[in-house]
N, C-alpha and C. Protein backbone atom coordinates (compact mmCIF):
# COMPACT_ATOMS: atom_id res chain seq x y z
N MET A 1 18.29 -8.68 24.91
CA MET A 1 19.53 -9.33 24.51
C MET A 1 19.94 -10.35 25.57
N ASN A 2 20.26 -11.54 25.14
CA ASN A 2 20.68 -12.59 26.05
C ASN A 2 22.14 -12.42 26.46
N THR A 3 22.44 -12.86 27.67
CA THR A 3 23.83 -12.86 28.12
C THR A 3 24.58 -13.99 27.42
N LEU A 4 25.89 -13.94 27.49
CA LEU A 4 26.70 -15.00 26.91
C LEU A 4 26.38 -16.34 27.56
N ASP A 5 26.19 -16.34 28.85
CA ASP A 5 25.87 -17.59 29.53
C ASP A 5 24.51 -18.14 29.09
N GLN A 6 23.55 -17.27 28.84
CA GLN A 6 22.26 -17.71 28.32
C GLN A 6 22.40 -18.30 26.91
N ARG A 7 23.27 -17.70 26.10
CA ARG A 7 23.49 -18.25 24.75
C ARG A 7 24.18 -19.61 24.83
N ARG A 8 25.11 -19.75 25.77
CA ARG A 8 25.75 -21.06 25.97
C ARG A 8 24.69 -22.09 26.36
N ALA A 9 23.86 -21.71 27.30
CA ALA A 9 22.81 -22.62 27.78
C ALA A 9 21.86 -23.00 26.65
N GLN A 10 21.46 -22.04 25.85
CA GLN A 10 20.54 -22.33 24.75
C GLN A 10 21.18 -23.28 23.74
N TYR A 11 22.42 -23.03 23.38
CA TYR A 11 23.14 -23.90 22.45
C TYR A 11 23.23 -25.31 23.02
N ALA A 12 23.62 -25.42 24.29
CA ALA A 12 23.76 -26.72 24.94
C ALA A 12 22.42 -27.45 25.01
N TRP A 13 21.36 -26.72 25.29
CA TRP A 13 20.02 -27.30 25.36
C TRP A 13 19.62 -27.89 24.00
N GLU A 14 19.85 -27.12 22.96
CA GLU A 14 19.51 -27.61 21.61
C GLU A 14 20.32 -28.85 21.26
N ARG A 15 21.61 -28.83 21.56
CA ARG A 15 22.46 -29.98 21.23
C ARG A 15 22.09 -31.19 22.09
N ALA A 16 21.83 -30.99 23.36
CA ALA A 16 21.46 -32.11 24.24
C ALA A 16 20.15 -32.73 23.79
N ASN A 17 19.19 -31.91 23.42
CA ASN A 17 17.89 -32.42 22.95
C ASN A 17 18.06 -33.27 21.70
N ARG A 18 18.96 -32.89 20.85
CA ARG A 18 19.16 -33.60 19.59
C ARG A 18 20.05 -34.83 19.76
N ASN A 19 21.04 -34.76 20.63
CA ASN A 19 22.10 -35.76 20.61
C ASN A 19 22.08 -36.79 21.72
N THR A 20 21.26 -36.62 22.74
CA THR A 20 21.29 -37.61 23.82
C THR A 20 20.75 -38.96 23.38
N VAL A 21 20.15 -39.05 22.22
CA VAL A 21 19.71 -40.35 21.71
C VAL A 21 20.89 -41.16 21.15
N VAL A 22 22.02 -40.54 20.94
CA VAL A 22 23.21 -41.22 20.42
C VAL A 22 23.83 -42.03 21.56
N ASP A 23 24.03 -43.33 21.32
CA ASP A 23 24.63 -44.20 22.33
C ASP A 23 26.00 -43.68 22.76
N GLY A 24 26.19 -43.57 24.07
CA GLY A 24 27.47 -43.16 24.62
C GLY A 24 27.68 -41.66 24.71
N TYR A 25 26.72 -40.88 24.21
CA TYR A 25 26.89 -39.42 24.17
C TYR A 25 26.98 -38.83 25.58
N ARG A 26 26.03 -39.20 26.44
CA ARG A 26 26.02 -38.66 27.81
C ARG A 26 27.36 -38.92 28.51
N GLU A 27 27.85 -40.13 28.39
CA GLU A 27 29.10 -40.50 29.04
C GLU A 27 30.27 -39.71 28.46
N MET A 28 30.25 -39.53 27.14
CA MET A 28 31.31 -38.77 26.47
C MET A 28 31.29 -37.31 26.95
N VAL A 29 30.11 -36.74 27.06
CA VAL A 29 29.97 -35.35 27.53
C VAL A 29 30.45 -35.22 28.97
N LYS A 30 30.08 -36.18 29.80
CA LYS A 30 30.49 -36.13 31.21
C LYS A 30 32.01 -36.15 31.37
N GLY A 31 32.70 -36.90 30.53
CA GLY A 31 34.15 -37.02 30.64
C GLY A 31 34.93 -35.94 29.93
N ALA A 32 34.26 -35.14 29.11
CA ALA A 32 34.95 -34.15 28.29
C ALA A 32 35.76 -33.13 29.09
N PRO A 33 35.21 -32.52 30.14
CA PRO A 33 36.01 -31.53 30.87
C PRO A 33 37.30 -32.10 31.44
N ALA A 34 37.24 -33.30 31.99
CA ALA A 34 38.45 -33.92 32.55
C ALA A 34 39.49 -34.18 31.46
N LEU A 35 39.03 -34.64 30.30
CA LEU A 35 39.97 -34.86 29.19
C LEU A 35 40.64 -33.56 28.77
N ILE A 36 39.85 -32.50 28.68
CA ILE A 36 40.39 -31.20 28.27
C ILE A 36 41.38 -30.68 29.30
N MET A 37 41.02 -30.78 30.58
CA MET A 37 41.91 -30.28 31.63
C MET A 37 43.19 -31.11 31.71
N GLY A 38 43.10 -32.40 31.46
CA GLY A 38 44.26 -33.27 31.57
C GLY A 38 45.15 -33.27 30.34
N ASN A 39 44.55 -33.12 29.16
CA ASN A 39 45.30 -33.27 27.92
C ASN A 39 45.35 -32.03 27.05
N GLY A 40 44.51 -31.07 27.33
CA GLY A 40 44.42 -29.87 26.51
C GLY A 40 43.31 -29.99 25.48
N LEU A 41 42.84 -28.87 25.02
CA LEU A 41 41.72 -28.83 24.07
C LEU A 41 42.08 -29.48 22.74
N MET A 42 43.22 -29.14 22.18
CA MET A 42 43.59 -29.68 20.87
C MET A 42 43.73 -31.20 20.91
N ALA A 43 44.39 -31.72 21.91
CA ALA A 43 44.57 -33.17 22.02
C ALA A 43 43.23 -33.87 22.21
N THR A 44 42.34 -33.26 22.98
CA THR A 44 41.02 -33.85 23.20
C THR A 44 40.21 -33.87 21.91
N LEU A 45 40.24 -32.78 21.17
CA LEU A 45 39.51 -32.75 19.90
C LEU A 45 40.09 -33.77 18.92
N ALA A 46 41.41 -33.91 18.90
CA ALA A 46 42.04 -34.92 18.04
C ALA A 46 41.63 -36.33 18.47
N TYR A 47 41.54 -36.56 19.76
CA TYR A 47 41.11 -37.85 20.28
C TYR A 47 39.68 -38.16 19.81
N TYR A 48 38.78 -37.18 19.94
CA TYR A 48 37.40 -37.41 19.48
C TYR A 48 37.36 -37.71 17.98
N ARG A 49 38.19 -37.01 17.24
CA ARG A 49 38.24 -37.22 15.79
C ARG A 49 38.72 -38.63 15.44
N SER A 50 39.60 -39.18 16.26
CA SER A 50 40.21 -40.47 15.95
C SER A 50 39.44 -41.67 16.52
N ARG A 51 38.43 -41.42 17.33
CA ARG A 51 37.71 -42.51 18.00
C ARG A 51 37.07 -43.47 17.00
N THR A 52 37.22 -44.74 17.29
CA THR A 52 36.56 -45.77 16.51
C THR A 52 35.88 -46.74 17.47
N GLY A 53 35.04 -47.58 16.96
CA GLY A 53 34.37 -48.56 17.79
C GLY A 53 32.97 -48.13 18.16
N SER A 54 32.50 -48.63 19.28
CA SER A 54 31.10 -48.42 19.65
C SER A 54 30.75 -46.96 19.94
N ASN A 55 31.71 -46.17 20.38
CA ASN A 55 31.43 -44.76 20.70
C ASN A 55 31.83 -43.81 19.59
N GLU A 56 32.08 -44.33 18.40
CA GLU A 56 32.52 -43.48 17.30
C GLU A 56 31.52 -42.36 17.03
N ARG A 57 30.24 -42.69 16.97
CA ARG A 57 29.22 -41.69 16.69
C ARG A 57 29.15 -40.64 17.79
N ALA A 58 29.22 -41.07 19.05
CA ALA A 58 29.16 -40.13 20.17
C ALA A 58 30.33 -39.16 20.13
N ALA A 59 31.51 -39.66 19.85
CA ALA A 59 32.70 -38.80 19.78
C ALA A 59 32.57 -37.81 18.63
N SER A 60 32.09 -38.27 17.51
CA SER A 60 31.90 -37.41 16.35
C SER A 60 30.89 -36.30 16.62
N VAL A 61 29.81 -36.65 17.29
CA VAL A 61 28.76 -35.67 17.61
C VAL A 61 29.28 -34.66 18.62
N LEU A 62 30.00 -35.11 19.63
CA LEU A 62 30.55 -34.18 20.62
C LEU A 62 31.58 -33.25 19.98
N LEU A 63 32.39 -33.78 19.10
CA LEU A 63 33.35 -32.94 18.36
C LEU A 63 32.60 -31.86 17.59
N GLU A 64 31.54 -32.25 16.92
CA GLU A 64 30.71 -31.30 16.18
C GLU A 64 30.10 -30.25 17.12
N ASP A 65 29.66 -30.68 18.30
CA ASP A 65 29.09 -29.75 19.28
C ASP A 65 30.11 -28.70 19.72
N VAL A 66 31.30 -29.15 20.06
CA VAL A 66 32.34 -28.24 20.55
C VAL A 66 32.77 -27.28 19.45
N LEU A 67 33.09 -27.83 18.28
CA LEU A 67 33.53 -26.96 17.18
C LEU A 67 32.42 -26.03 16.72
N GLY A 68 31.19 -26.50 16.77
CA GLY A 68 30.06 -25.64 16.42
C GLY A 68 29.95 -24.44 17.35
N TRP A 69 30.16 -24.69 18.63
CA TRP A 69 30.10 -23.58 19.59
C TRP A 69 31.27 -22.61 19.39
N LEU A 70 32.46 -23.15 19.20
CA LEU A 70 33.62 -22.28 18.99
C LEU A 70 33.48 -21.46 17.71
N ALA A 71 32.84 -22.03 16.69
CA ALA A 71 32.60 -21.29 15.45
C ALA A 71 31.55 -20.20 15.69
N LYS A 72 30.54 -20.53 16.46
CA LYS A 72 29.49 -19.55 16.79
C LYS A 72 30.08 -18.35 17.53
N ARG A 73 31.09 -18.62 18.35
CA ARG A 73 31.78 -17.56 19.09
C ARG A 73 32.88 -16.91 18.27
N GLN A 74 33.05 -17.37 17.03
CA GLN A 74 34.04 -16.85 16.08
C GLN A 74 35.48 -17.00 16.61
N ILE A 75 35.72 -18.14 17.23
CA ILE A 75 37.05 -18.44 17.75
C ILE A 75 37.84 -19.23 16.72
N VAL A 76 37.23 -20.27 16.18
CA VAL A 76 37.80 -21.08 15.09
C VAL A 76 36.66 -21.54 14.19
N PRO A 77 36.95 -21.94 12.96
CA PRO A 77 35.90 -22.49 12.09
C PRO A 77 35.39 -23.83 12.62
N ALA A 78 34.20 -24.23 12.21
CA ALA A 78 33.60 -25.48 12.65
C ALA A 78 34.27 -26.71 12.03
N ASP A 79 34.99 -26.54 10.94
CA ASP A 79 35.69 -27.64 10.29
C ASP A 79 36.90 -28.04 11.14
N PHE A 80 37.05 -29.36 11.37
CA PHE A 80 38.13 -29.85 12.24
C PHE A 80 39.51 -29.39 11.77
N ALA A 81 39.83 -29.63 10.50
CA ALA A 81 41.17 -29.28 9.99
C ALA A 81 41.43 -27.78 10.07
N LEU A 82 40.44 -26.99 9.71
CA LEU A 82 40.61 -25.54 9.78
C LEU A 82 40.73 -25.06 11.22
N ALA A 83 39.98 -25.67 12.11
CA ALA A 83 40.07 -25.31 13.53
C ALA A 83 41.46 -25.63 14.08
N MET A 84 41.96 -26.82 13.76
CA MET A 84 43.29 -27.20 14.25
C MET A 84 44.36 -26.26 13.69
N ASN A 85 44.26 -25.93 12.42
CA ASN A 85 45.21 -24.97 11.85
C ASN A 85 45.13 -23.63 12.55
N GLY A 86 43.91 -23.22 12.89
CA GLY A 86 43.74 -21.98 13.64
C GLY A 86 44.40 -22.06 15.01
N PHE A 87 44.24 -23.19 15.68
CA PHE A 87 44.88 -23.37 16.99
C PHE A 87 46.40 -23.37 16.87
N PHE A 88 46.94 -23.99 15.81
CA PHE A 88 48.39 -24.02 15.62
C PHE A 88 48.97 -22.62 15.50
N LYS A 89 48.21 -21.73 14.91
CA LYS A 89 48.68 -20.36 14.68
C LYS A 89 48.36 -19.42 15.84
N ALA A 90 47.54 -19.88 16.77
CA ALA A 90 47.06 -19.02 17.85
C ALA A 90 48.13 -18.83 18.93
N ASP A 91 48.02 -17.72 19.63
CA ASP A 91 48.89 -17.50 20.78
C ASP A 91 48.27 -18.17 22.01
N ALA A 92 49.01 -18.18 23.10
CA ALA A 92 48.58 -18.86 24.31
C ALA A 92 47.27 -18.29 24.85
N GLN A 93 47.11 -16.99 24.76
CA GLN A 93 45.89 -16.35 25.26
C GLN A 93 44.67 -16.80 24.45
N SER A 94 44.80 -16.93 23.15
CA SER A 94 43.70 -17.37 22.30
C SER A 94 43.34 -18.83 22.58
N LEU A 95 44.35 -19.67 22.79
CA LEU A 95 44.09 -21.07 23.14
C LEU A 95 43.38 -21.17 24.49
N MET A 96 43.78 -20.35 25.43
CA MET A 96 43.13 -20.34 26.74
C MET A 96 41.68 -19.88 26.62
N ARG A 97 41.44 -18.89 25.80
CA ARG A 97 40.07 -18.41 25.57
C ARG A 97 39.21 -19.53 24.98
N ALA A 98 39.74 -20.24 24.00
CA ALA A 98 38.99 -21.34 23.38
C ALA A 98 38.72 -22.44 24.40
N THR A 99 39.70 -22.75 25.22
CA THR A 99 39.53 -23.77 26.25
C THR A 99 38.48 -23.34 27.27
N ASP A 100 38.59 -22.12 27.75
CA ASP A 100 37.63 -21.61 28.74
C ASP A 100 36.21 -21.60 28.17
N GLU A 101 36.08 -21.18 26.93
CA GLU A 101 34.77 -21.12 26.29
C GLU A 101 34.18 -22.52 26.13
N THR A 102 35.02 -23.47 25.76
CA THR A 102 34.56 -24.85 25.62
C THR A 102 34.10 -25.41 26.96
N LEU A 103 34.89 -25.20 28.00
CA LEU A 103 34.52 -25.70 29.33
C LEU A 103 33.24 -25.06 29.84
N ALA A 104 33.06 -23.78 29.56
CA ALA A 104 31.84 -23.09 30.00
C ALA A 104 30.61 -23.66 29.30
N MET A 105 30.72 -23.93 28.00
CA MET A 105 29.60 -24.52 27.28
C MET A 105 29.35 -25.95 27.76
N LEU A 106 30.42 -26.70 28.02
CA LEU A 106 30.28 -28.09 28.47
C LEU A 106 29.61 -28.19 29.84
N ARG A 107 29.78 -27.18 30.69
CA ARG A 107 29.08 -27.20 31.98
C ARG A 107 27.57 -27.29 31.75
N TRP A 108 27.08 -26.52 30.81
CA TRP A 108 25.65 -26.57 30.47
C TRP A 108 25.29 -27.87 29.77
N LEU A 109 26.11 -28.29 28.84
CA LEU A 109 25.81 -29.49 28.07
C LEU A 109 25.75 -30.72 29.00
N ARG A 110 26.65 -30.79 29.95
CA ARG A 110 26.63 -31.91 30.91
C ARG A 110 25.32 -31.93 31.69
N GLN A 111 24.90 -30.76 32.15
CA GLN A 111 23.66 -30.69 32.94
C GLN A 111 22.45 -31.10 32.11
N PHE A 112 22.38 -30.57 30.90
CA PHE A 112 21.22 -30.85 30.05
C PHE A 112 21.22 -32.29 29.55
N ALA A 113 22.38 -32.81 29.21
CA ALA A 113 22.45 -34.21 28.75
C ALA A 113 22.01 -35.14 29.88
N ASP A 114 22.41 -34.82 31.09
CA ASP A 114 22.00 -35.61 32.24
C ASP A 114 20.50 -35.48 32.48
N ALA A 115 19.97 -34.29 32.33
CA ALA A 115 18.54 -34.06 32.52
C ALA A 115 17.71 -34.81 31.48
N MET A 116 18.24 -34.95 30.28
CA MET A 116 17.52 -35.65 29.22
C MET A 116 17.39 -37.14 29.51
N LYS A 117 18.27 -37.65 30.35
CA LYS A 117 18.26 -39.08 30.69
C LYS A 117 16.90 -39.48 31.25
N GLY A 118 16.35 -38.67 32.12
CA GLY A 118 15.05 -38.97 32.72
C GLY A 118 13.88 -38.68 31.80
N ALA A 119 14.11 -37.83 30.80
CA ALA A 119 13.02 -37.42 29.92
C ALA A 119 12.78 -38.40 28.79
N GLN A 120 13.69 -39.33 28.58
CA GLN A 120 13.54 -40.25 27.44
C GLN A 120 13.05 -41.60 27.86
């Protein structure tokens, strides 16, 4: 049986392998923890959802990565609207758990996305 950290790493590895070809993805992943810490998880997810322009695809993919992981952990559904509704109804402890879980997965995703830079 894998540890939770191993499952995070495996998920991040799979997502990094698939998504680092998206323009702007690496940069978006690198900045994600700071956005979450500065603005909160819900505001950051809403920001990714609203992104337009050259990084629209990268923001959309990263949003999918984060919500996919939170759904895998059975914290919120992978659908943006359903996840946000879940967060609105959640208590502070549940929001903190979702934030902590996202940041833990992003630590792996940042490392792997950066590692993919040299492999491509």
